[in-house]
C-alpha atoms as a PDB file:
ATOM      1  CA  MET A   1     -71.989  18.705  -4.932  1.00  0.00           C
ATOM      2  CA  LYS A   2     -74.718  20.672  -6.692  1.00  0.00           C
ATOM      3  CA  ALA A   3     -73.889  23.846  -8.628  1.00  0.00           C
ATOM      4  CA  ASP A   4     -75.785  26.066  -6.160  1.00  0.00           C
ATOM      5  CA  GLU A   5     -73.861  24.490  -3.234  1.00  0.00           C
ATOM      6  CA  ARG A   6     -70.541  25.183  -5.004  1.00  0.00           C
ATOM      7  CA  ARG A   7     -71.515  28.824  -5.461  1.00  0.00           C
ATOM      8  CA  GLN A   8     -71.821  29.287  -1.680  1.00  0.00           C
ATOM      9  CA  TYR A   9     -68.032  29.372  -1.477  1.00  0.00           C
ATOM     10  CA  PHE A  10     -66.097  32.542  -2.197  1.00  0.00           C
ATOM     11  CA  ARG A  11     -63.833  32.054  -5.239  1.00  0.00           C
ATOM     12  CA  ILE A  12     -60.572  33.854  -5.949  1.00  0.00           C
ATOM     13  CA  GLU A  13     -57.923  33.909  -8.638  1.00  0.00           C
ATOM     14  CA  GLN A  14     -54.736  32.595  -7.050  1.00  0.00           C
ATOM     15  CA  ARG A  15     -51.273  31.573  -8.210  1.00  0.00           C
ATOM     16  CA  VAL A  16     -50.487  27.996  -7.188  1.00  0.00           C
ATOM     17  CA  SER A  17     -48.126  25.196  -8.041  1.00  0.00           C
ATOM     18  CA  LEU A  18     -50.417  22.359  -9.119  1.00  0.00           C
ATOM     19  CA  GLU A  19     -49.644  18.703  -9.692  1.00  0.00           C
ATOM     20  CA  LEU A  20     -52.339  16.121 -10.337  1.00  0.00           C
ATOM     21  CA  LYS A  21     -52.677  12.404 -10.881  1.00  0.00           C
ATOM     22  CA  ILE A  22     -55.740  10.531 -12.086  1.00  0.00           C
ATOM     23  CA  ILE A  23     -56.559   7.780  -9.615  1.00  0.00           C
ATOM     24  CA  SER A  24     -59.217   5.147  -8.982  1.00  0.00           C
ATOM     25  CA  GLU A  25     -62.054   5.535  -6.519  1.00  0.00           C
ATOM     26  CA  SER A  26     -60.671   2.555  -4.581  1.00  0.00           C
ATOM     27  CA  GLU A  27     -57.418   4.464  -3.923  1.00  0.00           C
ATOM     28  CA  ILE A  28     -59.478   7.142  -2.157  1.00  0.00           C
ATOM     29  CA  SER A  29     -61.232   4.498  -0.058  1.00  0.00           C
ATOM     30  CA  GLU A  30     -57.919   2.914   0.952  1.00  0.00           C
ATOM     31  CA  HIS A  31     -56.111   6.117   2.006  1.00  0.00           C
ATOM     32  CA  PRO A  32     -57.619   9.034   3.961  1.00  0.00           C
ATOM     33  CA  SER A  33     -55.221  11.467   2.275  1.00  0.00           C
ATOM     34  CA  PRO A  34     -53.369  11.317  -1.057  1.00  0.00           C
ATOM     35  CA  THR A  35     -50.247   9.157  -1.147  1.00  0.00           C
ATOM     36  CA  GLN A  36     -49.507   9.496  -4.871  1.00  0.00           C
ATOM     37  CA  PHE A  37     -46.892  12.238  -4.486  1.00  0.00           C
ATOM     38  CA  ASP A  38     -43.365  11.958  -3.231  1.00  0.00           C
ATOM     39  CA  VAL A  39     -43.214  14.628  -0.528  1.00  0.00           C
ATOM     40  CA  SER A  40     -40.693  15.197   2.221  1.00  0.00           C
ATOM     41  CA  PRO A  41     -41.726  15.770   5.836  1.00  0.00           C
ATOM     42  CA  ASN A  42     -41.116  19.488   5.216  1.00  0.00           C
ATOM     43  CA  PHE A  43     -43.838  19.707   2.559  1.00  0.00           C
ATOM     44  CA  LEU A  44     -46.691  19.864   5.028  1.00  0.00           C
ATOM     45  CA  LEU A  45     -44.710  21.612   7.775  1.00  0.00           C
ATOM     46  CA  LEU A  46     -46.361  25.036   7.498  1.00  0.00           C
ATOM     47  CA  SER A  47     -49.784  23.449   7.112  1.00  0.00           C
ATOM     48  CA  GLN A  48     -49.267  21.492  10.297  1.00  0.00           C
ATOM     49  CA  LEU A  49     -48.021  24.609  12.099  1.00  0.00           C
ATOM     50  CA  GLN A  50     -51.109  26.536  11.004  1.00  0.00           C
ATOM     51  CA  GLU A  51     -53.304  23.735  12.285  1.00  0.00           C
ATOM     52  CA  MET A  52     -51.498  23.857  15.647  1.00  0.00           C
ATOM     53  CA  GLU A  53     -51.897  27.631  15.705  1.00  0.00           C
ATOM     54  CA  ALA A  54     -55.647  27.313  15.184  1.00  0.00           C
ATOM     55  CA  GLU A  55     -55.833  24.757  17.990  1.00  0.00           C
ATOM     56  CA  SER A  56     -53.816  26.905  20.408  1.00  0.00           C
ATOM     57  CA  SER A  57     -55.134  30.389  19.591  1.00  0.00           C
ATOM     58  CA  HIS A  58     -57.871  30.239  22.246  1.00  0.00           C
ATOM     59  CA  LEU A  59     -55.234  29.275  24.854  1.00  0.00           C
ATOM     60  CA  LEU A  60     -53.102  32.244  23.856  1.00  0.00           C
ATOM     61  CA  ARG A  61     -56.103  34.560  24.298  1.00  0.00           C
ATOM     62  CA  LYS A  62     -56.684  33.177  27.799  1.00  0.00           C
ATOM     63  CA  ILE A  63     -53.000  33.680  28.651  1.00  0.00           C
ATOM     64  CA  ALA A  64     -53.181  37.254  27.320  1.00  0.00           C
ATOM     65  CA  GLU A  65     -56.076  37.981  29.688  1.00  0.00           C
ATOM     66  CA  LYS A  66     -53.945  36.922  32.660  1.00  0.00           C
ATOM     67  CA  ASP A  67     -50.444  38.051  31.634  1.00  0.00           C
ATOM     68  CA  SER A  68     -49.747  40.170  28.566  1.00  0.00           C
ATOM     69  CA  ASN A  69     -45.963  39.747  28.905  1.00  0.00           C
ATOM     70  CA  ILE A  70     -46.143  35.949  28.648  1.00  0.00           C
ATOM     71  CA  SER A  71     -48.584  36.299  25.756  1.00  0.00           C
ATOM     72  CA  SER A  72     -46.224  38.678  23.920  1.00  0.00           C
ATOM     73  CA  PHE A  73     -43.294  36.338  24.479  1.00  0.00           C
ATOM     74  CA  LEU A  74     -45.242  33.338  23.139  1.00  0.00           C
ATOM     75  CA  LYS A  75     -46.260  35.363  20.075  1.00  0.00           C
ATOM     76  CA  ILE A  76     -42.583  36.149  19.368  1.00  0.00           C
ATOM     77  CA  VAL A  77     -41.649  32.468  19.715  1.00  0.00           C
ATOM     78  CA  HIS A  78     -44.498  31.569  17.363  1.00  0.00           C
ATOM     79  CA  ASP A  79     -43.314  34.103  14.774  1.00  0.00           C
ATOM     80  CA  LYS A  80     -39.750  32.742  14.956  1.00  0.00           C
ATOM     81  CA  ILE A  81     -40.921  29.187  14.397  1.00  0.00           C
ATOM     82  CA  GLU A  82     -43.114  30.244  11.481  1.00  0.00           C
ATOM     83  CA  ARG A  83     -40.262  32.139   9.787  1.00  0.00           C
ATOM     84  CA  ILE A  84     -37.922  29.167  10.131  1.00  0.00           C
ATOM     85  CA  ALA A  85     -40.602  26.861   8.729  1.00  0.00           C
ATOM     86  CA  GLN A  86     -41.227  29.251   5.803  1.00  0.00           C
ATOM     87  CA  ALA A  87     -37.507  29.288   4.991  1.00  0.00           C
ATOM     88  CA  VAL A  88     -37.366  25.490   5.019  1.00  0.00           C
ATOM     89  CA  ALA A  89     -40.587  25.145   2.996  1.00  0.00           C
ATOM     90  CA  SER A  90     -39.608  27.797   0.421  1.00  0.00           C
ATOM     91  CA  THR A  91     -36.316  26.003  -0.266  1.00  0.00           C
ATOM     92  CA  GLU A  92     -38.198  22.801  -0.987  1.00  0.00           C
ATOM     93  CA  MET A  93     -40.878  24.518  -3.049  1.00  0.00           C
ATOM     94  CA  LYS A  94     -38.307  25.854  -5.524  1.00  0.00           C
ATOM     95  CA  ILE A  95     -37.353  22.336  -6.568  1.00  0.00           C
ATOM     96  CA  GLY A  96     -40.920  21.197  -7.248  1.00  0.00           C
ATOM     97  CA  ASN A  97     -41.849  19.749 -10.660  1.00  0.00           C
ATOM     98  CA  ALA A  98     -45.038  21.722 -11.246  1.00  0.00           C
ATOM     99  CA  ALA A  99     -45.210  25.113 -12.880  1.00  0.00           C
ATOM    100  CA  ILE A 100     -46.955  27.935 -11.065  1.00  0.00           C
ATOM    101  CA  GLN A 101     -50.227  28.886 -12.715  1.00  0.00           C
ATOM    102  CA  GLU A 102     -53.251  31.089 -12.123  1.00  0.00           C
ATOM    103  CA  VAL A 103     -56.262  29.087 -10.910  1.00  0.00           C
ATOM    104  CA  ASN A 104     -59.744  29.870  -9.654  1.00  0.00           C
ATOM    105  CA  ILE A 105     -60.098  28.339  -6.197  1.00  0.00           C
ATOM    106  CA  SER A 106     -62.567  28.106  -3.334  1.00  0.00           C
ATOM    107  CA  GLU A 107     -62.992  25.895  -0.293  1.00  0.00           C
ATOM    108  CA  GLY A 108     -65.124  23.621  -2.458  1.00  0.00           C
ATOM    109  CA  GLY A 109     -63.107  23.244  -5.637  1.00  0.00           C
ATOM    110  CA  LEU A 110     -60.678  24.433  -8.243  1.00  0.00           C
ATOM    111  CA  GLN A 111     -60.721  25.502 -11.892  1.00  0.00           C
ATOM    112  CA  PHE A 112     -57.535  25.459 -13.963  1.00  0.00           C
ATOM    113  CA  ARG A 113     -56.215  25.189 -17.501  1.00  0.00           C
ATOM    114  CA  GLN A 114     -54.103  22.394 -18.964  1.00  0.00           C
ATOM    115  CA  ASP A 115     -53.189  20.950 -22.339  1.00  0.00           C
ATOM    116  CA  HIS A 116     -55.097  17.650 -22.083  1.00  0.00           C
ATOM    117  CA  ALA A 117     -58.642  16.657 -21.210  1.00  0.00           C
ATOM    118  CA  ILE A 118     -59.778  14.907 -18.065  1.00  0.00           C
ATOM    119  CA  GLU A 119     -62.866  12.734 -18.246  1.00  0.00           C
ATOM    120  CA  GLN A 120     -65.839  14.091 -16.318  1.00  0.00           C
ATOM    121  CA  GLY A 121     -66.287  12.037 -13.150  1.00  0.00           C
ATOM    122  CA  ALA A 122     -62.599  11.064 -12.973  1.00  0.00           C
ATOM    123  CA  PHE A 123     -61.026  10.987  -9.523  1.00  0.00           C
ATOM    124  CA  LEU A 124     -57.838  12.978  -8.914  1.00  0.00           C
ATOM    125  CA  SER A 125     -55.138  13.362  -6.360  1.00  0.00           C
ATOM    126  CA  LEU A 126     -53.947  16.989  -6.159  1.00  0.00           C
ATOM    127  CA  LYS A 127     -50.836  18.573  -4.730  1.00  0.00           C
ATOM    128  CA  LEU A 128     -51.255  22.328  -4.280  1.00  0.00           C
ATOM    129  CA  VAL A 129     -48.531  24.688  -3.103  1.00  0.00           C
ATOM    130  CA  PHE A 130     -49.271  28.353  -2.465  1.00  0.00           C
ATOM    131  CA  PRO A 131     -46.022  30.131  -3.389  1.00  0.00           C
ATOM    132  CA  GLU A 132     -46.650  33.309  -1.380  1.00  0.00           C
ATOM    133  CA  SER A 133     -46.988  31.390   1.884  1.00  0.00           C
ATOM    134  CA  CYS A 134     -45.128  28.186   0.877  1.00  0.00           C
ATOM    135  CA  ILE A 135     -47.989  26.127   2.294  1.00  0.00           C
ATOM    136  CA  GLY A 136     -48.843  22.840   0.621  1.00  0.00           C
ATOM    137  CA  VAL A 137     -51.886  20.584   0.760  1.00  0.00           C
ATOM    138  CA  LEU A 138     -52.710  17.153  -0.645  1.00  0.00           C
ATOM    139  CA  ILE A 139     -56.383  16.814  -1.586  1.00  0.00           C
ATOM    140  CA  TYR A 140     -58.659  14.397  -3.432  1.00  0.00           C
ATOM    141  CA  ALA A 141     -60.969  15.796  -6.094  1.00  0.00           C
ATOM    142  CA  GLN A 142     -63.407  14.727  -8.765  1.00  0.00           C
ATOM    143  CA  CYS A 143     -63.639  16.290 -12.234  1.00  0.00           C
ATOM    144  CA  CYS A 144     -67.057  17.885 -12.689  1.00  0.00           C
ATOM    145  CA  ARG A 145     -66.369  19.715 -15.960  1.00  0.00           C
ATOM    146  CA  CYS A 146     -63.891  19.729 -18.843  1.00  0.00           C
ATOM    147  CA  ASP A 147     -64.281  22.346 -21.584  1.00  0.00           C
ATOM    148  CA  GLU A 148     -62.093  22.513 -24.680  1.00  0.00           C
ATOM    149  CA  MET A 149     -60.935  26.021 -25.548  1.00  0.00           C
ATOM    150  CA  GLY A 150     -60.247  27.465 -28.998  1.00  0.00           C
ATOM    151  CA  ASP A 151     -56.470  27.247 -28.511  1.00  0.00           C
ATOM    152  CA  GLY A 152     -56.520  23.485 -27.884  1.00  0.00           C
ATOM    153  CA  SER A 153     -56.216  23.754 -24.101  1.00  0.00           C
ATOM    154  CA  PHE A 154     -58.850  22.601 -21.631  1.00  0.00           C
ATOM    155  CA  VAL A 155     -60.481  24.332 -18.670  1.00  0.00           C
ATOM    156  CA  ILE A 156     -60.937  21.742 -15.943  1.00  0.00           C
ATOM    157  CA  SER A 157     -63.283  22.188 -12.971  1.00  0.00           C
ATOM    158  CA  VAL A 158     -62.947  19.880  -9.984  1.00  0.00           C
ATOM    159  CA  GLU A 159     -64.668  19.643  -6.647  1.00  0.00           C
ATOM    160  CA  PHE A 160     -62.749  18.622  -3.557  1.00  0.00           C
ATOM    161  CA  ILE A 161     -63.902  15.387  -1.951  1.00  0.00           C
ATOM    162  CA  ARG A 162     -63.207  13.811   1.442  1.00  0.00           C
ATOM    163  CA  MET A 163     -61.243  16.899   2.396  1.00  0.00           C
ATOM    164  CA  PRO A 164     -59.930  16.869   5.960  1.00  0.00           C
ATOM    165  CA  GLU A 165     -60.939  19.829   8.116  1.00  0.00           C
ATOM    166  CA  ASN A 166     -57.327  21.018   8.405  1.00  0.00           C
ATOM    167  CA  CYS A 167     -57.096  21.305   4.592  1.00  0.00           C
ATOM    168  CA  ARG A 168     -60.389  23.218   4.473  1.00  0.00           C
ATOM    169  CA  MET A 169     -59.064  25.603   7.129  1.00  0.00           C
ATOM    170  CA  ILE A 170     -55.821  26.112   5.190  1.00  0.00           C
ATOM    171  CA  LEU A 171     -57.737  26.878   1.993  1.00  0.00           C
ATOM    172  CA  ALA A 172     -60.035  29.276   3.869  1.00  0.00           C
ATOM    173  CA  ARG A 173     -57.017  31.062   5.337  1.00  0.00           C
ATOM    174  CA  GLN A 174     -55.290  31.298   1.945  1.00  0.00           C
ATOM    175  CA  ILE A 175     -58.450  32.774   0.414  1.00  0.00           C
ATOM    176  CA  PHE A 176     -58.839  35.246   3.297  1.00  0.00           C
ATOM    177  CA  GLU A 177     -55.180  36.340   3.071  1.00  0.00           C
ATOM    178  CA  SER A 178     -55.441  36.717  -0.718  1.00  0.00           C
ATOM    179  CA  GLN A 179     -58.522  38.924  -0.276  1.00  0.00           C
ATOM    180  CA  ALA A 180     -56.684  41.015   2.323  1.00  0.00           C
ATOM    181  CA  ARG A 181     -53.692  41.485  -0.022  1.00  0.00           C
ATOM    182  CA  GLU A 182     -56.025  42.486  -2.851  1.00  0.00           C
ATOM    183  CA  ARG A 183     -57.884  45.008  -0.658  1.00  0.00           C
ATOM    184  CA  LYS A 184     -54.574  46.472   0.526  1.00  0.00           C
ATOM    185  CA  LYS A 185     -53.336  46.742  -3.063  1.00  0.00           C
ATOM    186  CA  LEU A 186     -56.562  48.465  -4.143  1.00  0.00           C
ATOM    187  CA  ALA A 187     -56.320  50.870  -1.190  1.00  0.00           C
ATOM    188  CA  ASN A 188     -52.716  51.686  -2.079  1.00  0.00           C
ATOM    189  CA  ASP A 189     -53.655  52.183  -5.750  1.00  0.00           C
ATOM    190  CA  ASP A 190     -56.498  54.519  -4.722  1.00  0.00           C
ATOM    191  CA  SER A 191     -54.220  56.549  -2.452  1.00  0.00           C
ATOM    192  CA  ASP A 192     -51.674  56.933  -5.279  1.00  0.00           C
ATOM    193  CA  ASP A 193     -54.292  58.562  -7.534  1.00  0.00           C
END
């Protein structure tokens, strides 16, 4: 992906739990999604629920046009399921191996800091968990930049590759929700002044 294409995506600073493994290009060809991490069925639960929500949202709108009571009831059932899934996912997230760190993320890629270099062009398998929503995704990426900092750490930039549409939608939603939280915080800060 060219630099000007990467800049078309909106980037945010976001706290995530990040695990990565360097892999071969053939591993990407053999598996449509990363298999390098040991994850339980609960790991992707909220992601799958969000995907189902996106698929069914137009049906809910049609139901609302015909019967607002049924639509309201279905919305309550949806909220219950999502809260149960968040409770299950948050329990699992607490036992993860990766530390939570601040990253710069967009739908196209990720920039983060770590204590060792990654060769430019290297292929990676990434496990990202968003702690505020407890949603996790498994994504392939390729290192496009590795800069050594004065303190001995490295700033790594990766672009996502072969990303399934459901992962792109999850990232877009996380970015949108993070923007909304930031706008709300700024509005609250302004009203306090």
